[in-house]
Structures are given as structure tokens and as C-alpha cells.
């Protein structure tokens, strides 16, 4: 992977907070900034996608279609969730696990 250098000027308070957060997450400040920027770009691209995808959509018509969904079609065998899926528990995010483990020490 090719990388490039860029001089980033941050306010001192923002820099200190970013350093503390990176240390708490167990990553380098450079990695934290890379991930934060990637997340922001991903969110922006997602919003652009949905803006293009929904352009010209008629929300009232979509709601009418959704109101009809399932009418006259009671659940049939096989519609239920598998038992193994129901037993799954939500897992906390990685950073929450790490914070929890550091608190208990």
C-alpha cells in the first residue's frame, strides 16, 4: 500500500484529546486519524448513494405498498427465525470490550 505525508495542523486541545483517545483504543494516532477519515468518507458516500437511489421516489406510494405487505398472507411454516439465531446475544463493540477489560484491572 502506498502512503503519502500530509502536515496536519490541529488545535492543541483537539490534538491532546485525539492522542488520549488513540492511546485508550490502543492504536497509533496516525491509525486513528486514518480510520476516522475513512468512516467520514464512507458515511458521505452512503448519503450520496441514497440521495441518488431515492431521487424521484414517491414516499406516499411506497407507504401504500408497505401497508399491503403481508395482508392475506399469514405466516407459514419456515417463516420463523431458526432457534440458533434466537440464542445469539449481541456482542459489544471492540472498543467497549477493551474499556471494560481495562476497568476491571
Protein backbone atom coordinates (compact mmCIF):
# COMPACT_ATOMS: atom_id res chain seq x y z
CA UNK A 1 0.00 0.00 0.00
CA UNK A 2 1.33 3.39 -0.95
CA UNK A 3 1.10 6.17 1.61
CA UNK A 4 1.73 9.87 1.48
CA UNK A 5 2.65 12.50 4.02
CA UNK A 6 0.50 15.47 4.89
CA UNK A 7 1.18 18.12 7.53
CA UNK A 8 -1.97 18.36 9.60
CA UNK A 9 -2.44 21.41 11.81
CA UNK A 10 -4.73 20.75 14.76
CA UNK A 11 -5.75 22.89 17.69
CA UNK A 12 -3.69 21.84 20.73
CA UNK A 13 -6.75 20.76 22.72
CA UNK A 14 -8.01 18.64 19.83
CA UNK A 15 -4.57 17.09 19.40
CA UNK A 16 -4.32 16.17 23.09
CA UNK A 17 -7.81 14.65 23.06
CA UNK A 18 -7.03 12.67 19.90
CA UNK A 19 -3.78 11.36 21.43
CA UNK A 20 -5.59 10.30 24.61
CA UNK A 21 -8.33 8.59 22.61
CA UNK A 22 -5.83 6.77 20.39
CA UNK A 23 -3.96 5.56 23.46
CA UNK A 24 -7.21 4.36 25.08
CA UNK A 25 -8.06 2.49 21.88
CA UNK A 26 -4.57 1.01 21.70
CA UNK A 27 -3.77 2.42 18.27
CA UNK A 28 -1.32 4.96 16.88
CA UNK A 29 -2.59 8.49 16.37
CA UNK A 30 -1.93 8.12 12.63
CA UNK A 31 -4.13 4.99 12.54
CA UNK A 32 -6.89 6.76 14.48
CA UNK A 33 -6.90 9.65 12.01
CA UNK A 34 -6.90 7.26 9.03
CA UNK A 35 -9.88 5.31 10.41
CA UNK A 36 -11.79 8.47 11.37
CA UNK A 37 -11.34 9.90 7.88
CA UNK A 38 -12.34 6.60 6.26
CA UNK A 39 -15.50 6.47 8.40
CA UNK A 40 -16.43 10.04 7.47
CA UNK A 41 -15.89 9.39 3.75
CA UNK A 42 -17.89 6.18 3.94
CA UNK A 43 -20.81 7.97 5.60
CA UNK A 44 -20.68 10.69 2.95
CA UNK A 45 -20.64 8.17 0.09
CA UNK A 46 -23.56 6.32 1.66
CA UNK A 47 -25.62 9.51 1.88
CA UNK A 48 -24.80 10.31 -1.76
CA UNK A 49 -25.83 6.79 -2.81
CA UNK A 50 -29.20 7.01 -1.08
CA UNK A 51 -29.78 10.52 -2.43
CA UNK A 52 -29.24 9.21 -5.98
CA UNK A 53 -31.17 5.99 -5.33
CA UNK A 54 -34.23 7.74 -3.92
CA UNK A 55 -34.31 10.63 -6.38
CA UNK A 56 -37.78 10.75 -7.89
CA UNK A 57 -39.20 8.33 -5.33
CA UNK A 58 -42.77 8.82 -4.14
CA UNK A 59 -42.84 8.21 -0.36
CA UNK A 60 -46.67 8.19 -0.23
CA UNK A 61 -46.81 5.47 -2.88
CA UNK A 62 -44.11 3.46 -1.11
CA UNK A 63 -46.06 3.63 2.17
CA UNK A 64 -49.22 2.39 0.42
CA UNK A 65 -47.28 -0.59 -0.92
CA UNK A 66 -45.84 -1.34 2.52
CA UNK A 67 -49.31 -1.18 4.11
CA UNK A 68 -50.37 -4.06 1.84
CA UNK A 69 -47.35 -6.20 2.74
CA UNK A 70 -48.42 -9.39 4.44
CA UNK A 71 -52.17 -8.85 4.06
CA UNK A 72 -53.88 -12.09 3.25
CA UNK A 73 -50.61 -13.98 3.73
CA UNK A 74 -50.48 -15.40 7.25
CA UNK A 75 -47.10 -16.77 8.36
CA UNK A 76 -46.34 -20.24 7.08
CA UNK A 77 -44.03 -22.97 8.32
CA UNK A 78 -40.46 -21.86 7.71
CA UNK A 79 -41.13 -18.14 8.24
CA UNK A 80 -39.86 -18.24 11.81
CA UNK A 81 -36.27 -17.48 12.79
CA UNK A 82 -34.03 -20.51 13.38
CA UNK A 83 -33.55 -21.43 17.05
CA UNK A 84 -29.78 -20.89 16.72
CA UNK A 85 -30.36 -17.29 15.63
CA UNK A 86 -32.59 -16.59 18.63
CA UNK A 87 -29.89 -17.80 21.05
CA UNK A 88 -27.32 -15.31 19.78
CA UNK A 89 -26.50 -12.44 22.05
CA UNK A 90 -25.49 -9.01 20.86
CA UNK A 91 -21.75 -8.55 21.16
CA UNK A 92 -20.38 -5.24 22.40
CA UNK A 93 -18.20 -3.27 20.05
CA UNK A 94 -14.46 -3.97 20.24
CA UNK A 95 -13.68 -0.67 21.93
CA UNK A 96 -16.33 -1.33 24.61
CA UNK A 97 -14.79 -4.74 25.36
CA UNK A 98 -11.34 -3.19 25.68
CA UNK A 99 -12.57 -0.43 28.00
CA UNK A 100 -14.43 -2.97 30.15
CA UNK A 101 -11.34 -5.14 30.49
CA UNK A 102 -9.12 -2.19 31.42
CA UNK A 103 -11.60 -1.02 34.05
CA UNK A 104 -11.58 -4.38 35.81
CA UNK A 105 -7.77 -4.39 36.19
